[in-house]
Amino acid sequence: DHVHEPRIQADIDSGYQYGVERAPTFF
């Protein structure tokens, strides 16, 4: 059911917001 997809997408979106282009990226 991809129940946790929104949670993962929120992380990805947060990454893009802070300039993450690839993994791993650290702050």
mmCIF file of all heavy atoms, coordinates in Angstrom:
data_MODEL
# 
_entry.id   MODEL 
# 
loop_
_atom_site.group_PDB 
_atom_site.id 
_atom_site.type_symbol 
_atom_site.label_atom_id 
_atom_site.label_alt_id 
_atom_site.label_comp_id 
_atom_site.label_asym_id 
_atom_site.label_entity_id 
_atom_site.label_seq_id 
_atom_site.pdbx_PDB_ins_code 
_atom_site.Cartn_x 
_atom_site.Cartn_y 
_atom_site.Cartn_z 
_atom_site.occupancy 
_atom_site.B_iso_or_equiv 
_atom_site.pdbx_formal_charge 
_atom_site.auth_seq_id 
_atom_site.auth_comp_id 
_atom_site.auth_asym_id 
_atom_site.auth_atom_id 
_atom_site.pdbx_PDB_model_num 
ATOM 1   N N   . ASP A 1 1  ? 0.804  -1.223 0.000  1.00 0.00 ? 1  ASP A N   1 
ATOM 2   C CA  . ASP A 1 1  ? 0.000  0.000  0.000  1.00 0.00 ? 1  ASP A CA  1 
ATOM 3   C C   . ASP A 1 1  ? 0.841  1.279  0.000  1.00 0.00 ? 1  ASP A C   1 
ATOM 4   O O   . ASP A 1 1  ? 0.279  2.372  -0.013 1.00 0.00 ? 1  ASP A O   1 
ATOM 5   C CB  . ASP A 1 1  ? -0.931 0.016  1.224  1.00 0.00 ? 1  ASP A CB  1 
ATOM 6   C CG  . ASP A 1 1  ? -1.967 -1.094 1.187  1.00 0.00 ? 1  ASP A CG  1 
ATOM 7   O OD1 . ASP A 1 1  ? -2.202 -1.680 0.106  1.00 0.00 ? 1  ASP A OD1 1 
ATOM 8   O OD2 . ASP A 1 1  ? -2.538 -1.384 2.260  1.00 0.00 ? 1  ASP A OD2 1 
ATOM 9   N N   . HIS A 1 2  ? 2.159  1.142  0.041  1.00 0.00 ? 2  HIS A N   1 
ATOM 10  C CA  . HIS A 1 2  ? 3.075  2.299  0.085  1.00 0.00 ? 2  HIS A CA  1 
ATOM 11  C C   . HIS A 1 2  ? 2.679  3.267  1.204  1.00 0.00 ? 2  HIS A C   1 
ATOM 12  O O   . HIS A 1 2  ? 2.695  4.485  1.035  1.00 0.00 ? 2  HIS A O   1 
ATOM 13  C CB  . HIS A 1 2  ? 3.138  3.008  -1.262 1.00 0.00 ? 2  HIS A CB  1 
ATOM 14  C CG  . HIS A 1 2  ? 3.589  2.123  -2.367 1.00 0.00 ? 2  HIS A CG  1 
ATOM 15  N ND1 . HIS A 1 2  ? 4.909  1.760  -2.531 1.00 0.00 ? 2  HIS A ND1 1 
ATOM 16  C CD2 . HIS A 1 2  ? 2.891  1.481  -3.342 1.00 0.00 ? 2  HIS A CD2 1 
ATOM 17  C CE1 . HIS A 1 2  ? 5.004  0.948  -3.572 1.00 0.00 ? 2  HIS A CE1 1 
ATOM 18  N NE2 . HIS A 1 2  ? 3.800  0.753  -4.082 1.00 0.00 ? 2  HIS A NE2 1 
ATOM 19  N N   . VAL A 1 3  ? 2.357  2.697  2.355  1.00 0.00 ? 3  VAL A N   1 
ATOM 20  C CA  . VAL A 1 3  ? 1.886  3.460  3.513  1.00 0.00 ? 3  VAL A CA  1 
ATOM 21  C C   . VAL A 1 3  ? 2.891  4.538  3.928  1.00 0.00 ? 3  VAL A C   1 
ATOM 22  O O   . VAL A 1 3  ? 2.505  5.632  4.328  1.00 0.00 ? 3  VAL A O   1 
ATOM 23  C CB  . VAL A 1 3  ? 1.614  2.493  4.703  1.00 0.00 ? 3  VAL A CB  1 
ATOM 24  C CG1 . VAL A 1 3  ? 1.370  3.248  6.002  1.00 0.00 ? 3  VAL A CG1 1 
ATOM 25  C CG2 . VAL A 1 3  ? 0.449  1.585  4.368  1.00 0.00 ? 3  VAL A CG2 1 
ATOM 26  N N   . HIS A 1 4  ? 4.178  4.245  3.814  1.00 0.00 ? 4  HIS A N   1 
ATOM 27  C CA  . HIS A 1 4  ? 5.200  5.146  4.346  1.00 0.00 ? 4  HIS A CA  1 
ATOM 28  C C   . HIS A 1 4  ? 5.827  6.050  3.286  1.00 0.00 ? 4  HIS A C   1 
ATOM 29  O O   . HIS A 1 4  ? 6.743  6.817  3.586  1.00 0.00 ? 4  HIS A O   1 
ATOM 30  C CB  . HIS A 1 4  ? 6.272  4.338  5.073  1.00 0.00 ? 4  HIS A CB  1 
ATOM 31  C CG  . HIS A 1 4  ? 5.679  3.474  6.138  1.00 0.00 ? 4  HIS A CG  1 
ATOM 32  N ND1 . HIS A 1 4  ? 5.203  3.987  7.322  1.00 0.00 ? 4  HIS A ND1 1 
ATOM 33  C CD2 . HIS A 1 4  ? 5.422  2.143  6.184  1.00 0.00 ? 4  HIS A CD2 1 
ATOM 34  C CE1 . HIS A 1 4  ? 4.699  3.014  8.061  1.00 0.00 ? 4  HIS A CE1 1 
ATOM 35  N NE2 . HIS A 1 4  ? 4.823  1.883  7.391  1.00 0.00 ? 4  HIS A NE2 1 
ATOM 36  N N   . GLU A 1 5  ? 5.313  5.972  2.068  1.00 0.00 ? 5  GLU A N   1 
ATOM 37  C CA  . GLU A 1 5  ? 5.841  6.806  0.988  1.00 0.00 ? 5  GLU A CA  1 
ATOM 38  C C   . GLU A 1 5  ? 5.765  8.303  1.306  1.00 0.00 ? 5  GLU A C   1 
ATOM 39  O O   . GLU A 1 5  ? 6.740  9.024  1.045  1.00 0.00 ? 5  GLU A O   1 
ATOM 40  C CB  . GLU A 1 5  ? 5.103  6.486  -0.314 1.00 0.00 ? 5  GLU A CB  1 
ATOM 41  C CG  . GLU A 1 5  ? 5.796  7.031  -1.533 1.00 0.00 ? 5  GLU A CG  1 
ATOM 42  C CD  . GLU A 1 5  ? 5.157  6.486  -2.799 1.00 0.00 ? 5  GLU A CD  1 
ATOM 43  O OE1 . GLU A 1 5  ? 5.513  5.372  -3.199 1.00 0.00 ? 5  GLU A OE1 1 
ATOM 44  O OE2 . GLU A 1 5  ? 4.307  7.204  -3.369 1.00 0.00 ? 5  GLU A OE2 1 
ATOM 45  N N   . PRO A 1 6  ? 4.670  8.815  1.877  1.00 0.00 ? 6  PRO A N   1 
ATOM 46  C CA  . PRO A 1 6  ? 4.636  10.256 2.200  1.00 0.00 ? 6  PRO A CA  1 
ATOM 47  C C   . PRO A 1 6  ? 5.741  10.666 3.183  1.00 0.00 ? 6  PRO A C   1 
ATOM 48  O O   . PRO A 1 6  ? 6.312  11.756 3.068  1.00 0.00 ? 6  PRO A O   1 
ATOM 49  C CB  . PRO A 1 6  ? 3.243  10.463 2.809  1.00 0.00 ? 6  PRO A CB  1 
ATOM 50  C CG  . PRO A 1 6  ? 2.416  9.350  2.252  1.00 0.00 ? 6  PRO A CG  1 
ATOM 51  C CD  . PRO A 1 6  ? 3.366  8.183  2.127  1.00 0.00 ? 6  PRO A CD  1 
ATOM 52  N N   . ARG A 1 7  ? 6.053  9.805  4.150  1.00 0.00 ? 7  ARG A N   1 
ATOM 53  C CA  . ARG A 1 7  ? 7.115  10.099 5.132  1.00 0.00 ? 7  ARG A CA  1 
ATOM 54  C C   . ARG A 1 7  ? 8.466  10.197 4.442  1.00 0.00 ? 7  ARG A C   1 
ATOM 55  O O   . ARG A 1 7  ? 9.262  11.090 4.716  1.00 0.00 ? 7  ARG A O   1 
ATOM 56  C CB  . ARG A 1 7  ? 7.091  9.001  6.200  1.00 0.00 ? 7  ARG A CB  1 
ATOM 57  C CG  . ARG A 1 7  ? 8.324  8.888  7.067  1.00 0.00 ? 7  ARG A CG  1 
ATOM 58  C CD  . ARG A 1 7  ? 8.405  10.054 8.055  1.00 0.00 ? 7  ARG A CD  1 
ATOM 59  N NE  . ARG A 1 7  ? 9.525  9.946  8.938  1.00 0.00 ? 7  ARG A NE  1 
ATOM 60  C CZ  . ARG A 1 7  ? 10.785 10.233 8.609  1.00 0.00 ? 7  ARG A CZ  1 
ATOM 61  N NH1 . ARG A 1 7  ? 11.085 10.613 7.401  1.00 0.00 ? 7  ARG A NH1 1 
ATOM 62  N NH2 . ARG A 1 7  ? 11.740 10.151 9.500  1.00 0.00 ? 7  ARG A NH2 1 
ATOM 63  N N   . ILE A 1 8  ? 8.708  9.273  3.535  1.00 0.00 ? 8  ILE A N   1 
ATOM 64  C CA  . ILE A 1 8  ? 9.973  9.266  2.795  1.00 0.00 ? 8  ILE A CA  1 
ATOM 65  C C   . ILE A 1 8  ? 10.040 10.481 1.874  1.00 0.00 ? 8  ILE A C   1 
ATOM 66  O O   . ILE A 1 8  ? 11.073 11.150 1.791  1.00 0.00 ? 8  ILE A O   1 
ATOM 67  C CB  . ILE A 1 8  ? 10.125 7.943  2.025  1.00 0.00 ? 8  ILE A CB  1 
ATOM 68  C CG1 . ILE A 1 8  ? 10.261 6.785  3.031  1.00 0.00 ? 8  ILE A CG1 1 
ATOM 69  C CG2 . ILE A 1 8  ? 11.306 7.985  1.058  1.00 0.00 ? 8  ILE A CG2 1 
ATOM 70  C CD1 . ILE A 1 8  ? 9.995  5.421  2.448  1.00 0.00 ? 8  ILE A CD1 1 
ATOM 71  N N   . GLN A 1 9  ? 8.938  10.787 1.207  1.00 0.00 ? 9  GLN A N   1 
ATOM 72  C CA  . GLN A 1 9  ? 8.906  11.954 0.316  1.00 0.00 ? 9  GLN A CA  1 
ATOM 73  C C   . GLN A 1 9  ? 9.133  13.236 1.088  1.00 0.00 ? 9  GLN A C   1 
ATOM 74  O O   . GLN A 1 9  ? 9.783  14.158 0.582  1.00 0.00 ? 9  GLN A O   1 
ATOM 75  C CB  . GLN A 1 9  ? 7.588  12.005 -0.462 1.00 0.00 ? 9  GLN A CB  1 
ATOM 76  C CG  . GLN A 1 9  ? 7.603  13.034 -1.581 1.00 0.00 ? 9  GLN A CG  1 
ATOM 77  C CD  . GLN A 1 9  ? 8.681  12.765 -2.625 1.00 0.00 ? 9  GLN A CD  1 
ATOM 78  O OE1 . GLN A 1 9  ? 8.790  11.652 -3.140 1.00 0.00 ? 9  GLN A OE1 1 
ATOM 79  N NE2 . GLN A 1 9  ? 9.496  13.775 -2.933 1.00 0.00 ? 9  GLN A NE2 1 
ATOM 80  N N   . ALA A 1 10 ? 8.646  13.318 2.307  1.00 0.00 ? 10 ALA A N   1 
ATOM 81  C CA  . ALA A 1 10 ? 8.887  14.512 3.135  1.00 0.00 ? 10 ALA A CA  1 
ATOM 82  C C   . ALA A 1 10 ? 10.380 14.691 3.393  1.00 0.00 ? 10 ALA A C   1 
ATOM 83  O O   . ALA A 1 10 ? 10.894 15.825 3.370  1.00 0.00 ? 10 ALA A O   1 
ATOM 84  C CB  . ALA A 1 10 ? 8.116  14.416 4.451  1.00 0.00 ? 10 ALA A CB  1 
ATOM 85  N N   . ASP A 1 11 ? 11.093 13.585 3.638  1.00 0.00 ? 11 ASP A N   1 
ATOM 86  C CA  . ASP A 1 11 ? 12.551 13.667 3.805  1.00 0.00 ? 11 ASP A CA  1 
ATOM 87  C C   . ASP A 1 11 ? 13.213 14.153 2.528  1.00 0.00 ? 11 ASP A C   1 
ATOM 88  O O   . ASP A 1 11 ? 14.090 15.024 2.550  1.00 0.00 ? 11 ASP A O   1 
ATOM 89  C CB  . ASP A 1 11 ? 13.130 12.310 4.198  1.00 0.00 ? 11 ASP A CB  1 
ATOM 90  C CG  . ASP A 1 11 ? 12.952 11.967 5.672  1.00 0.00 ? 11 ASP A CG  1 
ATOM 91  O OD1 . ASP A 1 11 ? 12.410 12.796 6.434  1.00 0.00 ? 11 ASP A OD1 1 
ATOM 92  O OD2 . ASP A 1 11 ? 13.372 10.861 6.056  1.00 0.00 ? 11 ASP A OD2 1 
ATOM 93  N N   . ILE A 1 12 ? 12.809 13.572 1.408  1.00 0.00 ? 12 ILE A N   1 
ATOM 94  C CA  . ILE A 1 12 ? 13.392 13.962 0.112  1.00 0.00 ? 12 ILE A CA  1 
ATOM 95  C C   . ILE A 1 12 ? 13.145 15.448 -0.146 1.00 0.00 ? 12 ILE A C   1 
ATOM 96  O O   . ILE A 1 12 ? 14.068 16.187 -0.520 1.00 0.00 ? 12 ILE A O   1 
ATOM 97  C CB  . ILE A 1 12 ? 12.806 13.094 -1.022 1.00 0.00 ? 12 ILE A CB  1 
ATOM 98  C CG1 . ILE A 1 12 ? 13.235 11.634 -0.852 1.00 0.00 ? 12 ILE A CG1 1 
ATOM 99  C CG2 . ILE A 1 12 ? 13.225 13.632 -2.388 1.00 0.00 ? 12 ILE A CG2 1 
ATOM 100 C CD1 . ILE A 1 12 ? 12.467 10.649 -1.721 1.00 0.00 ? 12 ILE A CD1 1 
ATOM 101 N N   . ASP A 1 13 ? 11.906 15.885 0.057  1.00 0.00 ? 13 ASP A N   1 
ATOM 102 C CA  . ASP A 1 13 ? 11.572 17.298 -0.163 1.00 0.00 ? 13 ASP A CA  1 
ATOM 103 C C   . ASP A 1 13 ? 12.383 18.205 0.750  1.00 0.00 ? 13 ASP A C   1 
ATOM 104 O O   . ASP A 1 13 ? 12.866 19.263 0.316  1.00 0.00 ? 13 ASP A O   1 
ATOM 105 C CB  . ASP A 1 13 ? 10.075 17.532 0.065  1.00 0.00 ? 13 ASP A CB  1 
ATOM 106 C CG  . ASP A 1 13 ? 9.201  16.850 -0.979 1.00 0.00 ? 13 ASP A CG  1 
ATOM 107 O OD1 . ASP A 1 13 ? 9.728  16.433 -2.045 1.00 0.00 ? 13 ASP A OD1 1 
ATOM 108 O OD2 . ASP A 1 13 ? 7.984  16.711 -0.723 1.00 0.00 ? 13 ASP A OD2 1 
ATOM 109 N N   . SER A 1 14 ? 12.561 17.796 2.000  1.00 0.00 ? 14 SER A N   1 
ATOM 110 C CA  . SER A 1 14 ? 13.384 18.562 2.929  1.00 0.00 ? 14 SER A CA  1 
ATOM 111 C C   . SER A 1 14 ? 14.818 18.654 2.410  1.00 0.00 ? 14 SER A C   1 
ATOM 112 O O   . SER A 1 14 ? 15.447 19.708 2.469  1.00 0.00 ? 14 SER A O   1 
ATOM 113 C CB  . SER A 1 14 ? 13.356 17.895 4.307  1.00 0.00 ? 14 SER A CB  1 
ATOM 114 O OG  . SER A 1 14 ? 14.374 18.391 5.137  1.00 0.00 ? 14 SER A OG  1 
ATOM 115 N N   . GLY A 1 15 ? 15.318 17.532 1.903  1.00 0.00 ? 15 GLY A N   1 
ATOM 116 C CA  . GLY A 1 15 ? 16.667 17.531 1.334  1.00 0.00 ? 15 GLY A CA  1 
ATOM 117 C C   . GLY A 1 15 ? 16.798 18.523 0.196  1.00 0.00 ? 15 GLY A C   1 
ATOM 118 O O   . GLY A 1 15 ? 17.736 19.331 0.160  1.00 0.00 ? 15 GLY A O   1 
ATOM 119 N N   . TYR A 1 16 ? 15.856 18.480 -0.730 1.00 0.00 ? 16 TYR A N   1 
ATOM 120 C CA  . TYR A 1 16 ? 15.896 19.418 -1.861 1.00 0.00 ? 16 TYR A CA  1 
ATOM 121 C C   . TYR A 1 16 ? 15.840 20.855 -1.375 1.00 0.00 ? 16 TYR A C   1 
ATOM 122 O O   . TYR A 1 16 ? 16.539 21.730 -1.890 1.00 0.00 ? 16 TYR A O   1 
ATOM 123 C CB  . TYR A 1 16 ? 14.747 19.159 -2.830 1.00 0.00 ? 16 TYR A CB  1 
ATOM 124 C CG  . TYR A 1 16 ? 14.908 17.919 -3.670 1.00 0.00 ? 16 TYR A CG  1 
ATOM 125 C CD1 . TYR A 1 16 ? 13.808 17.136 -3.982 1.00 0.00 ? 16 TYR A CD1 1 
ATOM 126 C CD2 . TYR A 1 16 ? 16.153 17.519 -4.167 1.00 0.00 ? 16 TYR A CD2 1 
ATOM 127 C CE1 . TYR A 1 16 ? 13.934 15.994 -4.773 1.00 0.00 ? 16 TYR A CE1 1 
ATOM 128 C CE2 . TYR A 1 16 ? 16.288 16.384 -4.941 1.00 0.00 ? 16 TYR A CE2 1 
ATOM 129 C CZ  . TYR A 1 16 ? 15.180 15.626 -5.245 1.00 0.00 ? 16 TYR A CZ  1 
ATOM 130 O OH  . TYR A 1 16 ? 15.308 14.510 -6.018 1.00 0.00 ? 16 TYR A OH  1 
ATOM 131 N N   . GLN A 1 17 ? 15.025 21.106 -0.352 1.00 0.00 ? 17 GLN A N   1 
ATOM 132 C CA  . GLN A 1 17 ? 14.897 22.454 0.199  1.00 0.00 ? 17 GLN A CA  1 
ATOM 133 C C   . GLN A 1 17 ? 16.245 22.981 0.707  1.00 0.00 ? 17 GLN A C   1 
ATOM 134 O O   . GLN A 1 17 ? 16.523 24.171 0.633  1.00 0.00 ? 17 GLN A O   1 
ATOM 135 C CB  . GLN A 1 17 ? 13.870 22.446 1.327  1.00 0.00 ? 17 GLN A CB  1 
ATOM 136 C CG  . GLN A 1 17 ? 13.671 23.783 1.992  1.00 0.00 ? 17 GLN A CG  1 
ATOM 137 C CD  . GLN A 1 17 ? 12.663 23.706 3.141  1.00 0.00 ? 17 GLN A CD  1 
ATOM 138 O OE1 . GLN A 1 17 ? 12.051 22.675 3.392  1.00 0.00 ? 17 GLN A OE1 1 
ATOM 139 N NE2 . GLN A 1 17 ? 12.517 24.806 3.838  1.00 0.00 ? 17 GLN A NE2 1 
ATOM 140 N N   . TYR A 1 18 ? 17.087 22.066 1.206  1.00 0.00 ? 18 TYR A N   1 
ATOM 141 C CA  . TYR A 1 18 ? 18.378 22.473 1.751  1.00 0.00 ? 18 TYR A CA  1 
ATOM 142 C C   . TYR A 1 18 ? 19.540 22.158 0.817  1.00 0.00 ? 18 TYR A C   1 
ATOM 143 O O   . TYR A 1 18 ? 20.693 22.116 1.244  1.00 0.00 ? 18 TYR A O   1 
ATOM 144 C CB  . TYR A 1 18 ? 18.573 21.855 3.143  1.00 0.00 ? 18 TYR A CB  1 
ATOM 145 C CG  . TYR A 1 18 ? 17.708 22.566 4.147  1.00 0.00 ? 18 TYR A CG  1 
ATOM 146 C CD1 . TYR A 1 18 ? 16.425 22.115 4.424  1.00 0.00 ? 18 TYR A CD1 1 
ATOM 147 C CD2 . TYR A 1 18 ? 18.148 23.737 4.756  1.00 0.00 ? 18 TYR A CD2 1 
ATOM 148 C CE1 . TYR A 1 18 ? 15.603 22.803 5.304  1.00 0.00 ? 18 TYR A CE1 1 
ATOM 149 C CE2 . TYR A 1 18 ? 17.339 24.424 5.630  1.00 0.00 ? 18 TYR A CE2 1 
ATOM 150 C CZ  . TYR A 1 18 ? 16.068 23.959 5.906  1.00 0.00 ? 18 TYR A CZ  1 
ATOM 151 O OH  . TYR A 1 18 ? 15.265 24.653 6.769  1.00 0.00 ? 18 TYR A OH  1 
ATOM 152 N N   . GLY A 1 19 ? 19.251 21.940 -0.458 1.00 0.00 ? 19 GLY A N   1 
ATOM 153 C CA  . GLY A 1 19 ? 20.305 21.802 -1.452 1.00 0.00 ? 19 GLY A CA  1 
ATOM 154 C C   . GLY A 1 19 ? 20.906 20.417 -1.596 1.00 0.00 ? 19 GLY A C   1 
ATOM 155 O O   . GLY A 1 19 ? 21.937 20.259 -2.257 1.00 0.00 ? 19 GLY A O   1 
ATOM 156 N N   . VAL A 1 20 ? 20.285 19.387 -1.021 1.00 0.00 ? 20 VAL A N   1 
ATOM 157 C CA  . VAL A 1 20 ? 20.806 18.032 -1.169 1.00 0.00 ? 20 VAL A CA  1 
ATOM 158 C C   . VAL A 1 20 ? 20.591 17.596 -2.619 1.00 0.00 ? 20 VAL A C   1 
ATOM 159 O O   . VAL A 1 20 ? 19.492 17.724 -3.155 1.00 0.00 ? 20 VAL A O   1 
ATOM 160 C CB  . VAL A 1 20 ? 20.108 17.054 -0.193 1.00 0.00 ? 20 VAL A CB  1 
ATOM 161 C CG1 . VAL A 1 20 ? 20.563 15.627 -0.441 1.00 0.00 ? 20 VAL A CG1 1 
ATOM 162 C CG2 . VAL A 1 20 ? 20.378 17.473 1.241  1.00 0.00 ? 20 VAL A CG2 1 
ATOM 163 N N   . GLU A 1 21 ? 21.655 17.097 -3.220 1.00 0.00 ? 21 GLU A N   1 
ATOM 164 C CA  . GLU A 1 21 ? 21.591 16.624 -4.601 1.00 0.00 ? 21 GLU A CA  1 
ATOM 165 C C   . GLU A 1 21 ? 21.771 15.123 -4.704 1.00 0.00 ? 21 GLU A C   1 
ATOM 166 O O   . GLU A 1 21 ? 21.353 14.515 -5.683 1.00 0.00 ? 21 GLU A O   1 
ATOM 167 C CB  . GLU A 1 21 ? 22.660 17.324 -5.436 1.00 0.00 ? 21 GLU A CB  1 
ATOM 168 C CG  . GLU A 1 21 ? 22.445 18.822 -5.523 1.00 0.00 ? 21 GLU A CG  1 
ATOM 169 C CD  . GLU A 1 21 ? 23.604 19.546 -6.190 1.00 0.00 ? 21 GLU A CD  1 
ATOM 170 O OE1 . GLU A 1 21 ? 24.582 18.887 -6.606 1.00 0.00 ? 21 GLU A OE1 1 
ATOM 171 O OE2 . GLU A 1 21 ? 23.533 20.780 -6.276 1.00 0.00 ? 21 GLU A OE2 1 
ATOM 172 N N   . ARG A 1 22 ? 22.444 14.540 -3.707 1.00 0.00 ? 22 ARG A N   1 
ATOM 173 C CA  . ARG A 1 22 ? 22.697 13.104 -3.732 1.00 0.00 ? 22 ARG A CA  1 
ATOM 174 C C   . ARG A 1 22 ? 22.996 12.630 -2.316 1.00 0.00 ? 22 ARG A C   1 
ATOM 175 O O   . ARG A 1 22 ? 23.258 13.427 -1.417 1.00 0.00 ? 22 ARG A O   1 
ATOM 176 C CB  . ARG A 1 22 ? 23.857 12.751 -4.659 1.00 0.00 ? 22 ARG A CB  1 
ATOM 177 C CG  . ARG A 1 22 ? 25.186 13.344 -4.236 1.00 0.00 ? 22 ARG A CG  1 
ATOM 178 C CD  . ARG A 1 22 ? 26.271 13.061 -5.270 1.00 0.00 ? 22 ARG A CD  1 
ATOM 179 N NE  . ARG A 1 22 ? 27.467 13.782 -4.968 1.00 0.00 ? 22 ARG A NE  1 
ATOM 180 C CZ  . ARG A 1 22 ? 28.466 13.320 -4.237 1.00 0.00 ? 22 ARG A CZ  1 
ATOM 181 N NH1 . ARG A 1 22 ? 28.412 12.118 -3.730 1.00 0.00 ? 22 ARG A NH1 1 
ATOM 182 N NH2 . ARG A 1 22 ? 29.531 14.046 -4.028 1.00 0.00 ? 22 ARG A NH2 1 
ATOM 183 N N   . ALA A 1 23 ? 22.959 11.323 -2.174 1.00 0.00 ? 23 ALA A N   1 
ATOM 184 C CA  . ALA A 1 23 ? 23.280 10.717 -0.884 1.00 0.00 ? 23 ALA A CA  1 
ATOM 185 C C   . ALA A 1 23 ? 24.695 10.153 -0.943 1.00 0.00 ? 23 ALA A C   1 
ATOM 186 O O   . ALA A 1 23 ? 25.140 9.755  -2.012 1.00 0.00 ? 23 ALA A O   1 
ATOM 187 C CB  . ALA A 1 23 ? 22.284 9.592  -0.570 1.00 0.00 ? 23 ALA A CB  1 
ATOM 188 N N   . PRO A 1 24 ? 25.378 10.152 0.164  1.00 0.00 ? 24 PRO A N   1 
ATOM 189 C CA  . PRO A 1 24 ? 24.975 10.772 1.418  1.00 0.00 ? 24 PRO A CA  1 
ATOM 190 C C   . PRO A 1 24 ? 25.334 12.251 1.443  1.00 0.00 ? 24 PRO A C   1 
ATOM 191 O O   . PRO A 1 24 ? 26.333 12.671 0.873  1.00 0.00 ? 24 PRO A O   1 
ATOM 192 C CB  . PRO A 1 24 ? 25.800 10.009 2.458  1.00 0.00 ? 24 PRO A CB  1 
ATOM 193 C CG  . PRO A 1 24 ? 27.070 9.660  1.735  1.00 0.00 ? 24 PRO A CG  1 
ATOM 194 C CD  . PRO A 1 24 ? 26.642 9.407  0.306  1.00 0.00 ? 24 PRO A CD  1 
ATOM 195 N N   . THR A 1 25 ? 24.522 13.017 2.092  1.00 0.00 ? 25 THR A N   1 
ATOM 196 C CA  . THR A 1 25 ? 24.807 14.426 2.370  1.00 0.00 ? 25 THR A CA  1 
ATOM 197 C C   . THR A 1 25 ? 24.576 14.638 3.855  1.00 0.00 ? 25 THR A C   1 
ATOM 198 O O   . THR A 1 25 ? 23.617 14.122 4.419  1.00 0.00 ? 25 THR A O   1 
ATOM 199 C CB  . THR A 1 25 ? 23.926 15.364 1.529  1.00 0.00 ? 25 THR A CB  1 
ATOM 200 O OG1 . THR A 1 25 ? 24.262 15.197 0.152  1.00 0.00 ? 25 THR A OG1 1 
ATOM 201 C CG2 . THR A 1 25 ? 24.137 16.819 1.915  1.00 0.00 ? 25 THR A CG2 1 
ATOM 202 N N   . PHE A 1 26 ? 25.468 15.391 4.467  1.00 0.00 ? 26 PHE A N   1 
ATOM 203 C CA  . PHE A 1 26 ? 25.461 15.608 5.912  1.00 0.00 ? 26 PHE A CA  1 
ATOM 204 C C   . PHE A 1 26 ? 25.371 17.087 6.219  1.00 0.00 ? 26 PHE A C   1 
ATOM 205 O O   . PHE A 1 26 ? 25.913 17.909 5.496  1.00 0.00 ? 26 PHE A O   1 
ATOM 206 C CB  . PHE A 1 26 ? 26.755 15.072 6.544  1.00 0.00 ? 26 PHE A CB  1 
ATOM 207 C CG  . PHE A 1 26 ? 26.962 13.626 6.239  1.00 0.00 ? 26 PHE A CG  1 
ATOM 208 C CD1 . PHE A 1 26 ? 27.648 13.231 5.113  1.00 0.00 ? 26 PHE A CD1 1 
ATOM 209 C CD2 . PHE A 1 26 ? 26.438 12.664 7.076  1.00 0.00 ? 26 PHE A CD2 1 
ATOM 210 C CE1 . PHE A 1 26 ? 27.815 11.897 4.814  1.00 0.00 ? 26 PHE A CE1 1 
ATOM 211 C CE2 . PHE A 1 26 ? 26.606 11.334 6.788  1.00 0.00 ? 26 PHE A CE2 1 
ATOM 212 C CZ  . PHE A 1 26 ? 27.291 10.941 5.653  1.00 0.00 ? 26 PHE A CZ  1 
ATOM 213 N N   . PHE A 1 27 ? 24.732 17.380 7.324  1.00 0.00 ? 27 PHE A N   1 
ATOM 214 C CA  . PHE A 1 27 ? 24.702 18.741 7.843  1.00 0.00 ? 27 PHE A CA  1 
ATOM 215 C C   . PHE A 1 27 ? 25.308 18.715 9.236  1.00 0.00 ? 27 PHE A C   1 
ATOM 216 O O   . PHE A 1 27 ? 24.846 18.000 10.115 1.00 0.00 ? 27 PHE A O   1 
ATOM 217 C CB  . PHE A 1 27 ? 23.267 19.278 7.889  1.00 0.00 ? 27 PHE A CB  1 
ATOM 218 C CG  . PHE A 1 27 ? 22.716 19.553 6.518  1.00 0.00 ? 27 PHE A CG  1 
ATOM 219 C CD1 . PHE A 1 27 ? 22.101 18.551 5.794  1.00 0.00 ? 27 PHE A CD1 1 
ATOM 220 C CD2 . PHE A 1 27 ? 22.846 20.811 5.946  1.00 0.00 ? 27 PHE A CD2 1 
ATOM 221 C CE1 . PHE A 1 27 ? 21.610 18.791 4.524  1.00 0.00 ? 27 PHE A CE1 1 
ATOM 222 C CE2 . PHE A 1 27 ? 22.363 21.066 4.667  1.00 0.00 ? 27 PHE A CE2 1 
ATOM 223 C CZ  . PHE A 1 27 ? 21.735 20.043 3.962  1.00 0.00 ? 27 PHE A CZ  1 
# 
